[in-house]
Amino acid sequence: MRKAGLITGGALVAAGKAIHEGMSTYDLDRIVHDYIVSHGAKPSFLHYNGFPASACISVNDTVIHGIPSKTEKLKKGDIVSVDVGAYIDGYHGDSARTFAVGEISEKARALMESTEGSLLEAIKTIQPGMRIGDISALIQQFNEERGFSVVREFVGHGVGRNLHEDPEVPNYGKAGHGPRLIPGMVIAVEPMINEGKAAVRVLPDGWTVKTVDGSLSAHFEHTLAVTSTGVRVMTAPEE
């Protein structure tokens, strides 16, 4: 799984280096695809339940599952979430990151920092014996204290031989509740946080998820292995 995670993390690094004003989300998807394939893996998302691309690329008020397009061009001030999966030797990696396109607003920067900060804080706390709800409550409190909203309809998940496995890992909830973490479990923790209200809607394409109020949304994700002493970040690009 670390091999899959390294390729996943590397694809995100390649995407981040390539992002620039004027490029299409389709071109960004091709960079992710080519990176994954060149490292001997398969893009986990390509044709997954019919998804037509190798990366979910979600700009501004798109929360997740944005479909890359030749006509959607990145503009200065955009924030763009890139969600990537790589499959190799029977296992998946899954990771996401939100990038800035040039100079962005202070509110957009604060949203990105809060979303990523909640993921990093969750990673610091993970120990065997704790409950999924402990992660959920931490992420919810961290972001709501900063004035942001937590998406309810979509959650993190287990990762392994399948891209999505049990248990679900919500970004909201009560500490002390939910399944207990034990060594050997691998989960994807992925806060999806909105600048405005939490409500989201799915477009008629069946994939694209947007904020109802048109506010910005950010998304960060790592695949994490629970160990006997804590956690290992499987999708960190390098160690």
Foldseek 3Di string as FASTA:
>chain_A
DLLQLLLQLVLVVQLQVPDEFFAFQVVSQVSSQVSQVVSPWHQQQPCPVYQHTSKWKAKFQWQTQHHTDRPHTDHQQIKIKIWTWIDDPLWMWIKIAIHHHHDHDPLVVVQRCQQVVLVVVLQVPFAFFWFLQQSLDSLQVSQVVVPKEFAFPDFKAWTTSHRHHDDTRGNHHHTPDHDTHHAFTKIKGKTKIWSDYRDWDDDPVRGTIGHPVSGTITMTIFIWGHHNGGIDGSNNNDD
